[in-house]
């Protein structure tokens, strides 16, 4: 499996290209800017992009959806709670637009946790509300793409519309308890000492994981 992490914005938002080495089918997760950079990497790896996976609807994670979809024909994926927000000006806080084009409507609406397949890659879709109501994490093999649910050493904010601190705590406990320590964490922003981590490391060092007490409450 190929994983290419790209810093694509002034908020240090991270986009990901994930590809199946056998079939050359691929996905893009959270194309939040610098579309030319993303598409150059797609071409370099000779990938056929089938899906654009959005972890949530905020435009620092979706502003590249339109151009990526036009260039690749990929289908856009979002949770049902944010299907109306993804193309709306209400989908984000105040931020520069930089020729921002609203996302087209999503093609695939996630109603419940499920597994979808691209090439030989099984993508386990996990609902993790808190930063936003329809927050999603994507587990592929032993790699978890967390969006703004879980950062390296921290977690997403909950003071924006739709944010819920208690729900985010429940989502973090859920991830910490359901996944093994060696699962790699690929976050939505590069705000930590390094741009990736593991579940085990976050159990030991993440300030919000400790605050939310994942080790005290196993109910989720």
N, C-alpha and C. Protein backbone atom coordinates (compact mmCIF):
# COMPACT_ATOMS: atom_id res chain seq x y z
N UNK A 1 0.84 -1.20 0.00
CA UNK A 1 0.00 0.00 0.00
C UNK A 1 0.88 1.25 0.00
N UNK A 2 0.51 2.20 -0.84
CA UNK A 2 1.20 3.48 -0.90
C UNK A 2 0.46 4.49 -0.03
N UNK A 3 1.20 5.25 0.78
CA UNK A 3 0.64 6.38 1.51
C UNK A 3 1.53 7.59 1.24
N UNK A 4 0.96 8.64 0.70
CA UNK A 4 1.68 9.89 0.47
C UNK A 4 0.98 11.00 1.24
N UNK A 5 1.69 11.59 2.19
CA UNK A 5 1.16 12.67 3.01
C UNK A 5 1.63 14.00 2.42
N UNK A 6 0.69 14.95 2.27
CA UNK A 6 1.00 16.24 1.67
C UNK A 6 0.47 17.38 2.54
N UNK A 7 1.32 18.35 2.84
CA UNK A 7 0.88 19.57 3.52
C UNK A 7 0.32 20.50 2.46
N UNK A 8 -0.97 20.86 2.57
CA UNK A 8 -1.64 21.55 1.47
C UNK A 8 -2.25 22.89 1.86
N UNK A 9 -1.87 23.48 3.00
CA UNK A 9 -2.52 24.74 3.33
C UNK A 9 -1.85 25.51 4.44
N UNK A 10 -2.30 26.76 4.58
CA UNK A 10 -1.70 27.65 5.57
C UNK A 10 -2.04 27.22 7.00
N UNK A 11 -3.03 26.37 7.17
CA UNK A 11 -3.34 25.80 8.48
C UNK A 11 -2.60 24.48 8.70
N UNK A 12 -1.61 24.23 7.85
CA UNK A 12 -0.87 22.95 7.89
C UNK A 12 -1.81 21.76 7.81
N UNK A 13 -2.88 21.92 7.02
CA UNK A 13 -3.77 20.78 6.82
C UNK A 13 -3.09 19.75 5.93
N UNK A 14 -3.39 18.50 6.21
CA UNK A 14 -2.72 17.39 5.55
C UNK A 14 -3.70 16.62 4.67
N UNK A 15 -3.32 16.44 3.41
CA UNK A 15 -4.06 15.59 2.49
C UNK A 15 -3.28 14.30 2.30
N UNK A 16 -3.98 13.26 1.90
CA UNK A 16 -3.34 11.95 1.73
C UNK A 16 -3.75 11.33 0.41
N UNK A 17 -2.77 10.74 -0.24
CA UNK A 17 -3.00 9.87 -1.38
C UNK A 17 -2.70 8.45 -0.92
N UNK A 18 -3.66 7.57 -1.09
CA UNK A 18 -3.48 6.17 -0.70
C UNK A 18 -3.74 5.31 -1.92
N UNK A 19 -2.80 4.45 -2.24
CA UNK A 19 -2.93 3.65 -3.44
C UNK A 19 -2.72 2.17 -3.22
N UNK A 20 -3.38 1.39 -4.04
CA UNK A 20 -3.19 -0.06 -4.07
C UNK A 20 -2.06 -0.37 -5.05
N UNK A 21 -1.00 -0.94 -4.54
CA UNK A 21 0.16 -1.23 -5.38
C UNK A 21 -0.14 -2.25 -6.46
N UNK A 22 -1.09 -3.14 -6.20
CA UNK A 22 -1.40 -4.21 -7.14
C UNK A 22 -2.25 -3.72 -8.31
N UNK A 23 -3.29 -2.94 -8.01
CA UNK A 23 -4.24 -2.54 -9.04
C UNK A 23 -4.05 -1.11 -9.53
N UNK A 24 -3.28 -0.31 -8.80
CA UNK A 24 -3.08 1.11 -9.10
C UNK A 24 -4.36 1.93 -8.93
N UNK A 25 -5.34 1.37 -8.22
CA UNK A 25 -6.51 2.14 -7.82
C UNK A 25 -6.15 2.93 -6.57
N UNK A 26 -6.76 4.11 -6.41
CA UNK A 26 -6.39 4.93 -5.26
C UNK A 26 -7.51 5.81 -4.76
N UNK A 27 -7.22 6.47 -3.65
CA UNK A 27 -8.13 7.41 -3.02
C UNK A 27 -7.35 8.65 -2.62
N UNK A 28 -8.07 9.74 -2.45
CA UNK A 28 -7.51 10.95 -1.87
C UNK A 28 -8.34 11.29 -0.65
N UNK A 29 -7.66 11.55 0.45
CA UNK A 29 -8.34 11.90 1.71
C UNK A 29 -8.11 13.38 2.00
N UNK A 30 -9.19 14.13 2.17
CA UNK A 30 -9.17 15.54 2.57
C UNK A 30 -8.27 16.42 1.68
N UNK A 31 -8.64 16.60 0.41
CA UNK A 31 -7.87 17.49 -0.45
C UNK A 31 -8.17 18.96 -0.13
N UNK A 32 -7.52 19.48 0.88
CA UNK A 32 -7.83 20.81 1.39
C UNK A 32 -7.01 21.93 0.80
N UNK A 33 -6.56 21.79 -0.43
CA UNK A 33 -5.78 22.84 -1.09
C UNK A 33 -4.68 22.25 -1.95
N UNK A 34 -3.96 23.15 -2.67
CA UNK A 34 -2.83 22.77 -3.51
C UNK A 34 -3.16 21.57 -4.40
N UNK A 35 -4.23 21.72 -5.16
CA UNK A 35 -4.70 20.63 -6.01
C UNK A 35 -3.63 20.21 -7.03
N UNK A 36 -2.92 21.18 -7.59
CA UNK A 36 -1.88 20.84 -8.57
C UNK A 36 -0.82 19.92 -7.96
N UNK A 37 -0.46 20.20 -6.73
CA UNK A 37 0.52 19.38 -6.02
C UNK A 37 -0.01 17.96 -5.84
N UNK A 38 -1.28 17.84 -5.46
CA UNK A 38 -1.89 16.53 -5.26
C UNK A 38 -1.94 15.76 -6.58
N UNK A 39 -2.40 16.42 -7.63
CA UNK A 39 -2.55 15.74 -8.91
C UNK A 39 -1.21 15.36 -9.52
N UNK A 40 -0.18 16.15 -9.26
CA UNK A 40 1.17 15.78 -9.72
C UNK A 40 1.62 14.48 -9.09
N UNK A 41 1.36 14.32 -7.81
CA UNK A 41 1.73 13.08 -7.11
C UNK A 41 0.90 11.90 -7.63
N UNK A 42 -0.36 12.14 -7.87
CA UNK A 42 -1.21 11.08 -8.43
C UNK A 42 -0.63 10.60 -9.76
N UNK A 43 -0.23 11.54 -10.59
CA UNK A 43 0.35 11.20 -11.90
C UNK A 43 1.68 10.48 -11.72
N UNK A 44 2.49 10.94 -10.77
CA UNK A 44 3.80 10.31 -10.54
C UNK A 44 3.66 8.84 -10.16
N UNK A 45 2.62 8.53 -9.41
CA UNK A 45 2.41 7.16 -8.97
C UNK A 45 1.48 6.38 -9.92
N UNK A 46 1.03 7.05 -10.98
CA UNK A 46 0.21 6.40 -12.00
C UNK A 46 -1.03 5.75 -11.39
N UNK A 47 -1.75 6.54 -10.57
CA UNK A 47 -2.92 6.01 -9.87
C UNK A 47 -4.21 6.43 -10.56
N UNK A 48 -5.18 5.56 -10.50
CA UNK A 48 -6.55 5.83 -10.92
C UNK A 48 -7.37 6.11 -9.66
N UNK A 49 -7.67 7.39 -9.42
CA UNK A 49 -8.35 7.78 -8.18
C UNK A 49 -9.84 7.52 -8.30
N UNK A 50 -10.37 6.69 -7.41
CA UNK A 50 -11.79 6.31 -7.45
C UNK A 50 -12.63 7.07 -6.44
N UNK A 51 -12.03 7.44 -5.30
CA UNK A 51 -12.81 8.07 -4.23
C UNK A 51 -12.07 9.27 -3.65
N UNK A 52 -12.84 10.29 -3.27
CA UNK A 52 -12.37 11.40 -2.44
C UNK A 52 -13.05 11.23 -1.09
N UNK A 53 -12.27 10.87 -0.09
CA UNK A 53 -12.82 10.63 1.25
C UNK A 53 -12.65 11.88 2.10
N UNK A 54 -13.74 12.46 2.52
CA UNK A 54 -13.69 13.61 3.42
C UNK A 54 -13.95 13.16 4.85
N UNK A 55 -13.07 13.56 5.76
CA UNK A 55 -13.29 13.23 7.16
C UNK A 55 -14.39 14.08 7.78
N UNK A 56 -14.59 15.29 7.23
CA UNK A 56 -15.67 16.16 7.65
C UNK A 56 -15.81 17.27 6.62
N UNK A 57 -16.76 18.17 6.82
CA UNK A 57 -17.14 19.11 5.76
C UNK A 57 -16.41 20.44 5.79
N UNK A 58 -15.58 20.72 6.80
CA UNK A 58 -14.90 22.01 6.84
C UNK A 58 -14.06 22.22 5.59
N UNK A 59 -14.08 23.42 5.05
CA UNK A 59 -13.51 23.61 3.73
C UNK A 59 -11.99 23.57 3.69
N UNK A 60 -11.32 23.65 4.84
CA UNK A 60 -9.88 23.44 4.81
C UNK A 60 -9.54 21.97 4.55
N UNK A 61 -10.58 21.14 4.50
CA UNK A 61 -10.40 19.72 4.15
C UNK A 61 -11.13 19.34 2.86
N UNK A 62 -11.94 20.26 2.33
CA UNK A 62 -12.76 19.92 1.17
C UNK A 62 -12.58 20.86 -0.02
N UNK A 63 -11.79 21.93 0.13
CA UNK A 63 -11.76 22.96 -0.92
C UNK A 63 -11.17 22.45 -2.24
N UNK A 64 -10.50 21.31 -2.22
CA UNK A 64 -9.99 20.74 -3.46
C UNK A 64 -10.92 19.73 -4.10
N UNK A 65 -12.04 19.45 -3.47
CA UNK A 65 -12.95 18.42 -4.00
C UNK A 65 -13.36 18.67 -5.44
N UNK A 66 -13.74 19.90 -5.74
CA UNK A 66 -14.28 20.21 -7.05
C UNK A 66 -13.27 19.93 -8.16
N UNK A 67 -12.06 20.46 -8.02
CA UNK A 67 -11.05 20.28 -9.07
C UNK A 67 -10.55 18.84 -9.15
N UNK A 68 -10.44 18.19 -7.98
CA UNK A 68 -10.01 16.79 -7.99
C UNK A 68 -11.05 15.93 -8.69
N UNK A 69 -12.32 16.18 -8.40
CA UNK A 69 -13.39 15.40 -9.04
C UNK A 69 -13.39 15.62 -10.55
N UNK A 70 -13.22 16.87 -10.98
CA UNK A 70 -13.20 17.17 -12.41
C UNK A 70 -12.02 16.50 -13.10
N UNK A 71 -10.87 16.43 -12.41
CA UNK A 71 -9.67 15.88 -13.02
C UNK A 71 -9.66 14.36 -13.05
N UNK A 72 -10.33 13.73 -12.08
CA UNK A 72 -10.21 12.27 -11.92
C UNK A 72 -11.52 11.51 -12.10
N UNK A 73 -12.64 12.21 -11.96
CA UNK A 73 -13.93 11.52 -11.97
C UNK A 73 -14.25 10.78 -10.70
N UNK A 74 -13.46 11.01 -9.65
CA UNK A 74 -13.66 10.29 -8.39
C UNK A 74 -14.96 10.71 -7.72
N UNK A 75 -15.51 9.79 -6.93
CA UNK A 75 -16.73 10.05 -6.18
C UNK A 75 -16.38 10.59 -4.79
N UNK A 76 -17.17 11.57 -4.35
CA UNK A 76 -16.96 12.22 -3.06
C UNK A 76 -17.76 11.50 -1.98
N UNK A 77 -17.11 11.28 -0.83
CA UNK A 77 -17.72 10.55 0.28
C UNK A 77 -17.80 11.47 1.50
N UNK A 78 -18.96 11.50 2.15
CA UNK A 78 -19.15 12.28 3.38
C UNK A 78 -20.22 11.59 4.23
N UNK A 79 -20.23 11.87 5.53
CA UNK A 79 -21.25 11.32 6.42
C UNK A 79 -22.59 12.03 6.19
N UNK A 80 -23.66 11.31 6.48
CA UNK A 80 -25.01 11.84 6.24
C UNK A 80 -25.28 13.12 7.03
N UNK A 81 -24.66 13.29 8.20
CA UNK A 81 -24.92 14.48 9.00
C UNK A 81 -24.32 15.74 8.38
N UNK A 82 -23.45 15.57 7.38
CA UNK A 82 -22.80 16.74 6.78
C UNK A 82 -22.99 16.82 5.27
N UNK A 83 -23.92 16.04 4.75
CA UNK A 83 -24.15 16.04 3.30
C UNK A 83 -24.68 17.38 2.82
N UNK A 84 -25.41 18.11 3.67
CA UNK A 84 -25.92 19.42 3.27
C UNK A 84 -24.92 20.53 3.52
N UNK A 85 -23.96 20.29 4.39
CA UNK A 85 -22.97 21.31 4.74
C UNK A 85 -21.79 21.33 3.77
N UNK A 86 -21.49 20.20 3.13
CA UNK A 86 -20.27 20.10 2.36
C UNK A 86 -20.21 21.12 1.22
N UNK A 87 -21.37 21.50 0.68
CA UNK A 87 -21.41 22.48 -0.41
C UNK A 87 -21.89 23.84 0.05
N UNK A 88 -21.94 24.04 1.36
CA UNK A 88 -22.51 25.26 1.92
C UNK A 88 -21.43 26.18 2.47
N UNK A 89 -21.71 27.47 2.44
CA UNK A 89 -20.79 28.44 3.05
C UNK A 89 -20.76 28.30 4.56
N UNK A 90 -21.70 27.55 5.12
CA UNK A 90 -21.73 27.32 6.56
C UNK A 90 -20.78 26.20 6.99
N UNK A 91 -20.05 25.64 6.01
CA UNK A 91 -19.25 24.46 6.31
C UNK A 91 -17.92 24.78 6.96
N UNK A 92 -17.67 26.05 7.27
CA UNK A 92 -16.38 26.36 7.87
C UNK A 92 -16.45 27.64 8.66
N UNK A 93 -15.39 27.88 9.40
CA UNK A 93 -15.19 29.12 10.11
C UNK A 93 -14.56 30.12 9.14
N UNK A 94 -14.36 31.36 9.59
CA UNK A 94 -13.80 32.41 8.74
C UNK A 94 -12.37 32.08 8.37
N UNK A 95 -12.11 31.99 7.07
CA UNK A 95 -10.76 31.69 6.60
C UNK A 95 -10.61 32.20 5.17
N UNK A 96 -9.39 32.53 4.75
CA UNK A 96 -9.20 32.99 3.38
C UNK A 96 -9.66 31.93 2.38
N UNK A 97 -10.16 32.37 1.23
CA UNK A 97 -10.71 31.43 0.26
C UNK A 97 -9.69 30.94 -0.74
N UNK A 98 -8.73 31.78 -1.15
CA UNK A 98 -7.71 31.36 -2.12
C UNK A 98 -8.35 30.66 -3.33
N UNK A 99 -9.24 31.40 -4.04
CA UNK A 99 -9.93 30.83 -5.21
C UNK A 99 -10.72 29.57 -4.86
N UNK A 100 -11.23 29.56 -3.67
CA UNK A 100 -11.99 28.40 -3.19
C UNK A 100 -13.26 28.20 -4.00
N UNK A 101 -13.46 26.98 -4.43
CA UNK A 101 -14.70 26.57 -5.07
C UNK A 101 -15.44 25.63 -4.11
N UNK A 102 -16.72 25.90 -3.84
CA UNK A 102 -17.45 24.99 -2.96
C UNK A 102 -17.40 23.55 -3.49
N UNK A 103 -17.44 22.62 -2.59
CA UNK A 103 -17.44 21.22 -3.01
C UNK A 103 -18.73 20.89 -3.73
N UNK A 104 -18.67 20.05 -4.75
CA UNK A 104 -19.91 19.50 -5.31
C UNK A 104 -20.59 18.65 -4.24
N UNK A 105 -21.86 18.36 -4.43
CA UNK A 105 -22.52 17.45 -3.49
C UNK A 105 -21.81 16.09 -3.47
N UNK A 106 -21.89 15.45 -2.33
CA UNK A 106 -21.26 14.13 -2.20
C UNK A 106 -21.99 13.10 -3.05
N UNK A 107 -21.24 12.15 -3.57
CA UNK A 107 -21.80 11.06 -4.37
C UNK A 107 -22.18 9.86 -3.50
N UNK A 108 -21.45 9.68 -2.42
CA UNK A 108 -21.68 8.55 -1.52
C UNK A 108 -21.92 9.10 -0.12
N UNK A 109 -23.08 8.83 0.44
CA UNK A 109 -23.44 9.30 1.77
C UNK A 109 -23.32 8.13 2.75
N UNK A 110 -22.49 8.30 3.76
CA UNK A 110 -22.29 7.24 4.75
C UNK A 110 -23.40 7.30 5.79
N UNK A 111 -24.21 6.26 5.82
CA UNK A 111 -25.33 6.18 6.76
C UNK A 111 -24.93 5.50 8.07
N UNK A 112 -24.01 4.55 7.98
CA UNK A 112 -23.57 3.80 9.14
C UNK A 112 -22.15 3.31 8.90
N UNK A 113 -21.49 2.87 9.95
CA UNK A 113 -20.13 2.36 9.81
C UNK A 113 -20.13 1.16 8.88
N UNK A 114 -19.17 1.13 7.99
CA UNK A 114 -19.13 0.08 6.99
C UNK A 114 -17.72 -0.05 6.41
N UNK A 115 -17.53 -1.02 5.56
CA UNK A 115 -16.27 -1.22 4.85
C UNK A 115 -16.53 -1.06 3.36
N UNK A 116 -15.73 -0.22 2.72
CA UNK A 116 -15.78 -0.11 1.26
C UNK A 116 -14.40 -0.49 0.72
N UNK A 117 -14.37 -0.94 -0.52
CA UNK A 117 -13.14 -1.48 -1.08
C UNK A 117 -12.73 -0.71 -2.33
N UNK A 118 -11.44 -0.39 -2.41
CA UNK A 118 -10.84 0.20 -3.60
C UNK A 118 -9.62 -0.64 -3.95
N UNK A 119 -9.61 -1.22 -5.13
CA UNK A 119 -8.55 -2.16 -5.46
C UNK A 119 -8.57 -3.31 -4.46
N UNK A 120 -7.45 -3.56 -3.81
CA UNK A 120 -7.39 -4.57 -2.76
C UNK A 120 -7.45 -3.96 -1.37
N UNK A 121 -7.72 -2.66 -1.30
CA UNK A 121 -7.73 -1.95 -0.01
C UNK A 121 -9.13 -1.96 0.59
N UNK A 122 -9.26 -2.49 1.80
CA UNK A 122 -10.50 -2.42 2.55
C UNK A 122 -10.45 -1.18 3.44
N UNK A 123 -11.43 -0.31 3.28
CA UNK A 123 -11.48 0.95 4.03
C UNK A 123 -12.58 0.83 5.07
N UNK A 124 -12.18 0.75 6.33
CA UNK A 124 -13.11 0.64 7.44
C UNK A 124 -13.50 2.05 7.89
N UNK A 125 -14.77 2.41 7.70
CA UNK A 125 -15.24 3.76 8.00
C UNK A 125 -15.80 3.80 9.42
N UNK A 126 -15.22 4.68 10.23
CA UNK A 126 -15.57 4.78 11.65
C UNK A 126 -16.15 6.16 11.93
N UNK A 127 -17.34 6.21 12.48
CA UNK A 127 -17.98 7.48 12.82
C UNK A 127 -17.40 8.00 14.13
N UNK A 128 -16.83 9.21 14.08
CA UNK A 128 -16.20 9.80 15.27
C UNK A 128 -16.65 11.25 15.43
N UNK A 129 -17.89 11.45 15.87
CA UNK A 129 -18.39 12.82 16.06
C UNK A 129 -17.68 13.54 17.20
N UNK A 130 -17.81 14.85 17.19
CA UNK A 130 -17.24 15.66 18.26
C UNK A 130 -16.68 16.96 17.72
N UNK A 131 -15.71 16.87 16.80
CA UNK A 131 -15.25 18.07 16.11
C UNK A 131 -16.37 18.58 15.22
N UNK A 132 -17.02 17.67 14.52
CA UNK A 132 -18.24 17.93 13.78
C UNK A 132 -19.17 16.73 13.98
N UNK A 133 -20.46 16.90 13.73
CA UNK A 133 -21.40 15.78 13.97
C UNK A 133 -21.13 14.56 13.10
N UNK A 134 -20.65 14.78 11.87
CA UNK A 134 -20.44 13.66 10.95
C UNK A 134 -18.98 13.31 10.75
N UNK A 135 -18.16 13.57 11.73
CA UNK A 135 -16.74 13.27 11.61
C UNK A 135 -16.50 11.79 11.34
N UNK A 136 -15.59 11.51 10.42
CA UNK A 136 -15.25 10.13 10.07
C UNK A 136 -13.75 9.91 10.18
N UNK A 137 -13.37 8.71 10.60
CA UNK A 137 -11.99 8.24 10.49
C UNK A 137 -11.99 7.05 9.53
N UNK A 138 -10.88 6.90 8.83
CA UNK A 138 -10.75 5.82 7.85
C UNK A 138 -9.59 4.91 8.22
N UNK A 139 -9.90 3.66 8.49
CA UNK A 139 -8.89 2.67 8.87
C UNK A 139 -8.61 1.77 7.67
N UNK A 140 -7.35 1.79 7.22
CA UNK A 140 -6.93 0.97 6.09
C UNK A 140 -5.72 0.16 6.54
N UNK A 141 -5.90 -1.15 6.61
CA UNK A 141 -4.88 -2.01 7.23
C UNK A 141 -4.60 -1.49 8.63
N UNK A 142 -3.36 -1.16 8.95
CA UNK A 142 -3.01 -0.64 10.27
C UNK A 142 -2.72 0.86 10.21
N UNK A 143 -3.48 1.57 9.39
CA UNK A 143 -3.30 3.01 9.24
C UNK A 143 -4.64 3.70 9.44
N UNK A 144 -4.68 4.65 10.39
CA UNK A 144 -5.91 5.36 10.71
C UNK A 144 -5.76 6.83 10.31
N UNK A 145 -6.64 7.27 9.41
CA UNK A 145 -6.65 8.65 8.96
C UNK A 145 -7.74 9.37 9.75
N UNK A 146 -7.31 10.30 10.61
CA UNK A 146 -8.17 10.78 11.68
C UNK A 146 -8.79 12.15 11.46
N UNK A 147 -8.44 12.85 10.37
CA UNK A 147 -9.00 14.18 10.19
C UNK A 147 -8.72 15.05 11.40
N UNK A 148 -9.77 15.73 11.89
CA UNK A 148 -9.60 16.59 13.07
C UNK A 148 -10.12 15.95 14.35
N UNK A 149 -10.35 14.65 14.31
CA UNK A 149 -10.73 13.95 15.54
C UNK A 149 -9.54 13.81 16.47
N UNK A 150 -8.40 13.41 15.92
CA UNK A 150 -7.22 13.13 16.74
C UNK A 150 -5.98 13.65 16.03
N UNK A 151 -5.24 14.51 16.72
CA UNK A 151 -3.96 15.00 16.21
C UNK A 151 -2.82 14.30 16.95
N UNK A 152 -1.60 14.61 16.56
CA UNK A 152 -0.45 14.14 17.31
C UNK A 152 -0.32 15.02 18.55
N UNK A 153 -0.62 14.43 19.72
CA UNK A 153 -0.52 15.15 20.98
C UNK A 153 -1.74 15.95 21.36
N UNK A 154 -2.75 15.99 20.53
CA UNK A 154 -3.90 16.86 20.79
C UNK A 154 -5.12 16.30 20.05
N UNK A 155 -6.17 17.11 19.96
CA UNK A 155 -7.35 16.72 19.19
C UNK A 155 -8.02 17.97 18.66
N UNK A 156 -9.03 17.79 17.81
CA UNK A 156 -9.68 18.92 17.18
C UNK A 156 -10.48 19.77 18.15
N UNK A 157 -10.74 21.00 17.72
CA UNK A 157 -11.50 21.94 18.55
C UNK A 157 -12.98 21.58 18.53
N UNK A 158 -13.71 22.05 19.55
CA UNK A 158 -15.13 21.76 19.65
C UNK A 158 -15.97 23.01 19.84
N UNK A 159 -15.36 24.19 19.58
CA UNK A 159 -16.09 25.44 19.78
C UNK A 159 -16.70 25.99 18.50
N UNK A 160 -16.61 25.24 17.41
CA UNK A 160 -17.25 25.63 16.16
C UNK A 160 -18.66 25.05 16.09
N UNK A 161 -19.52 25.58 15.20
CA UNK A 161 -20.88 25.03 15.09
C UNK A 161 -20.88 23.52 14.87
N UNK A 162 -21.65 22.82 15.68
CA UNK A 162 -21.72 21.37 15.58
C UNK A 162 -20.72 20.63 16.44
N UNK A 163 -19.78 21.37 17.04
CA UNK A 163 -18.79 20.72 17.91
C UNK A 163 -19.40 20.30 19.23
N UNK A 164 -18.90 19.22 19.79
CA UNK A 164 -19.41 18.71 21.06
C UNK A 164 -18.27 18.04 21.81
N UNK A 165 -17.86 18.64 22.90
CA UNK A 165 -16.69 18.16 23.62
C UNK A 165 -16.88 16.76 24.19
N UNK A 166 -18.05 16.50 24.73
CA UNK A 166 -18.27 15.17 25.32
C UNK A 166 -18.30 14.10 24.24
N UNK A 167 -18.87 14.43 23.08
CA UNK A 167 -18.87 13.47 21.98
C UNK A 167 -17.46 13.19 21.47
N UNK A 168 -16.64 14.25 21.40
CA UNK A 168 -15.26 14.04 20.96
C UNK A 168 -14.52 13.14 21.93
N UNK A 169 -14.75 13.34 23.22
CA UNK A 169 -14.13 12.46 24.20
C UNK A 169 -14.55 11.02 24.02
N UNK A 170 -15.83 10.80 23.76
CA UNK A 170 -16.32 9.45 23.54
C UNK A 170 -15.70 8.84 22.29
N UNK A 171 -15.53 9.65 21.24
CA UNK A 171 -14.92 9.16 20.00
C UNK A 171 -13.46 8.78 20.22
N UNK A 172 -12.74 9.59 20.98
CA UNK A 172 -11.33 9.29 21.24
C UNK A 172 -11.21 8.02 22.07
N UNK A 173 -12.06 7.87 23.09
CA UNK A 173 -12.04 6.64 23.88
C UNK A 173 -12.33 5.43 22.99
N UNK A 174 -13.28 5.59 22.09
CA UNK A 174 -13.63 4.52 21.16
C UNK A 174 -12.43 4.07 20.35
N UNK A 175 -11.71 5.03 19.77
CA UNK A 175 -10.53 4.69 18.97
C UNK A 175 -9.45 4.04 19.82
N UNK A 176 -9.21 4.59 20.99
CA UNK A 176 -8.14 4.09 21.85
C UNK A 176 -8.42 2.66 22.30
N UNK A 177 -9.68 2.34 22.50
CA UNK A 177 -10.02 1.01 23.00
C UNK A 177 -10.20 -0.03 21.90
N UNK A 178 -10.58 0.39 20.70
CA UNK A 178 -10.85 -0.59 19.65
C UNK A 178 -9.62 -0.95 18.82
N UNK A 179 -8.58 -0.10 18.87
CA UNK A 179 -7.43 -0.29 17.99
C UNK A 179 -6.18 -0.67 18.78
N UNK A 180 -5.33 -1.45 18.14
CA UNK A 180 -4.09 -1.87 18.79
C UNK A 180 -3.07 -0.74 18.81
N UNK A 181 -2.11 -0.84 19.72
CA UNK A 181 -1.14 0.23 19.91
C UNK A 181 -0.29 0.50 18.68
N UNK A 182 -0.11 -0.47 17.81
CA UNK A 182 0.79 -0.28 16.67
C UNK A 182 0.09 0.31 15.45
N UNK A 183 -1.20 0.64 15.56
CA UNK A 183 -1.89 1.30 14.45
C UNK A 183 -1.32 2.71 14.27
N UNK A 184 -0.95 3.04 13.05
CA UNK A 184 -0.39 4.37 12.76
C UNK A 184 -1.50 5.41 12.67
N UNK A 185 -1.21 6.61 13.17
CA UNK A 185 -2.13 7.73 13.15
C UNK A 185 -1.66 8.74 12.11
N UNK A 186 -2.56 9.08 11.18
CA UNK A 186 -2.29 10.08 10.16
C UNK A 186 -3.31 11.21 10.33
N UNK A 187 -2.93 12.33 10.95
CA UNK A 187 -3.89 13.36 11.34
C UNK A 187 -4.24 14.34 10.22
N UNK A 188 -5.21 15.20 10.51
CA UNK A 188 -5.67 16.18 9.54
C UNK A 188 -4.86 17.46 9.50
N UNK A 189 -4.04 17.69 10.52
CA UNK A 189 -3.17 18.87 10.56
C UNK A 189 -1.83 18.48 11.16
N UNK A 190 -0.79 19.14 10.72
CA UNK A 190 0.56 18.91 11.23
C UNK A 190 0.82 19.92 12.34
N UNK A 191 0.41 19.56 13.56
CA UNK A 191 0.57 20.50 14.68
C UNK A 191 1.44 19.91 15.80
N UNK A 192 1.88 18.68 15.66
CA UNK A 192 2.66 18.02 16.70
C UNK A 192 4.15 18.06 16.42
N UNK A 193 4.90 17.28 17.19
CA UNK A 193 6.34 17.23 17.00
C UNK A 193 6.69 16.54 15.69
N UNK A 194 5.81 15.72 15.19
CA UNK A 194 5.98 15.09 13.88
C UNK A 194 4.60 14.88 13.29
N UNK A 195 4.50 14.66 11.98
CA UNK A 195 3.19 14.63 11.33
C UNK A 195 2.48 13.27 11.35
N UNK A 196 2.92 12.37 12.17
CA UNK A 196 2.28 11.05 12.28
C UNK A 196 2.61 10.48 13.65
N UNK A 197 1.87 9.45 14.05
CA UNK A 197 2.09 8.86 15.36
C UNK A 197 1.52 7.44 15.35
N UNK A 198 1.32 6.90 16.55
CA UNK A 198 0.65 5.61 16.71
C UNK A 198 -0.37 5.71 17.83
N UNK A 199 -1.31 4.79 17.83
CA UNK A 199 -2.29 4.75 18.92
C UNK A 199 -1.58 4.61 20.26
N UNK A 200 -0.59 3.74 20.33
CA UNK A 200 0.13 3.53 21.58
C UNK A 200 0.78 4.79 22.08
N UNK A 201 1.42 5.53 21.17
CA UNK A 201 2.08 6.77 21.57
C UNK A 201 1.06 7.80 22.04
N UNK A 202 -0.08 7.87 21.37
CA UNK A 202 -1.10 8.84 21.78
C UNK A 202 -1.73 8.46 23.12
N UNK A 203 -1.84 7.20 23.41
CA UNK A 203 -2.32 6.80 24.73
C UNK A 203 -1.41 7.34 25.83
N UNK A 204 -0.12 7.36 25.55
CA UNK A 204 0.85 7.79 26.57
C UNK A 204 1.02 9.29 26.63
N UNK A 205 0.85 9.99 25.50
CA UNK A 205 1.28 11.39 25.44
C UNK A 205 0.22 12.39 25.04
N UNK A 206 -0.90 11.98 24.49
CA UNK A 206 -1.89 12.91 23.99
C UNK A 206 -2.62 13.58 25.15
N UNK A 207 -2.56 14.90 25.22
CA UNK A 207 -3.12 15.61 26.36
C UNK A 207 -4.63 15.44 26.45
N UNK A 208 -5.31 15.41 25.32
CA UNK A 208 -6.75 15.26 25.35
C UNK A 208 -7.19 13.83 25.59
N UNK A 209 -6.41 12.88 25.13
CA UNK A 209 -6.73 11.48 25.44
C UNK A 209 -6.70 11.28 26.95
N UNK A 210 -5.72 11.89 27.60
CA UNK A 210 -5.64 11.77 29.06
C UNK A 210 -6.80 12.51 29.72
N UNK A 211 -7.10 13.71 29.22
CA UNK A 211 -8.20 14.48 29.80
C UNK A 211 -9.52 13.74 29.66
N UNK A 212 -9.75 13.15 28.48
CA UNK A 212 -11.01 12.48 28.23
C UNK A 212 -11.07 11.11 28.89
N UNK A 213 -9.95 10.65 29.43
CA UNK A 213 -9.96 9.46 30.27
C UNK A 213 -10.33 8.18 29.57
N UNK A 214 -9.72 7.90 28.42
CA UNK A 214 -10.07 6.69 27.67
C UNK A 214 -9.84 5.43 28.48
N UNK A 215 -8.87 5.49 29.42
CA UNK A 215 -8.54 4.31 30.20
C UNK A 215 -9.48 4.14 31.39
N UNK A 216 -10.34 5.12 31.62
CA UNK A 216 -11.26 5.03 32.77
C UNK A 216 -12.65 4.59 32.36
N UNK A 217 -13.00 4.84 31.09
CA UNK A 217 -14.37 4.58 30.67
C UNK A 217 -14.33 3.80 29.35
N UNK A 218 -14.69 2.55 29.38
CA UNK A 218 -14.64 1.72 28.18
C UNK A 218 -15.98 1.66 27.45
N UNK A 219 -16.94 2.42 27.91
CA UNK A 219 -18.24 2.40 27.25
C UNK A 219 -18.26 3.38 26.08
N UNK A 220 -18.72 2.91 24.92
CA UNK A 220 -18.78 3.81 23.76
C UNK A 220 -19.83 3.36 22.78
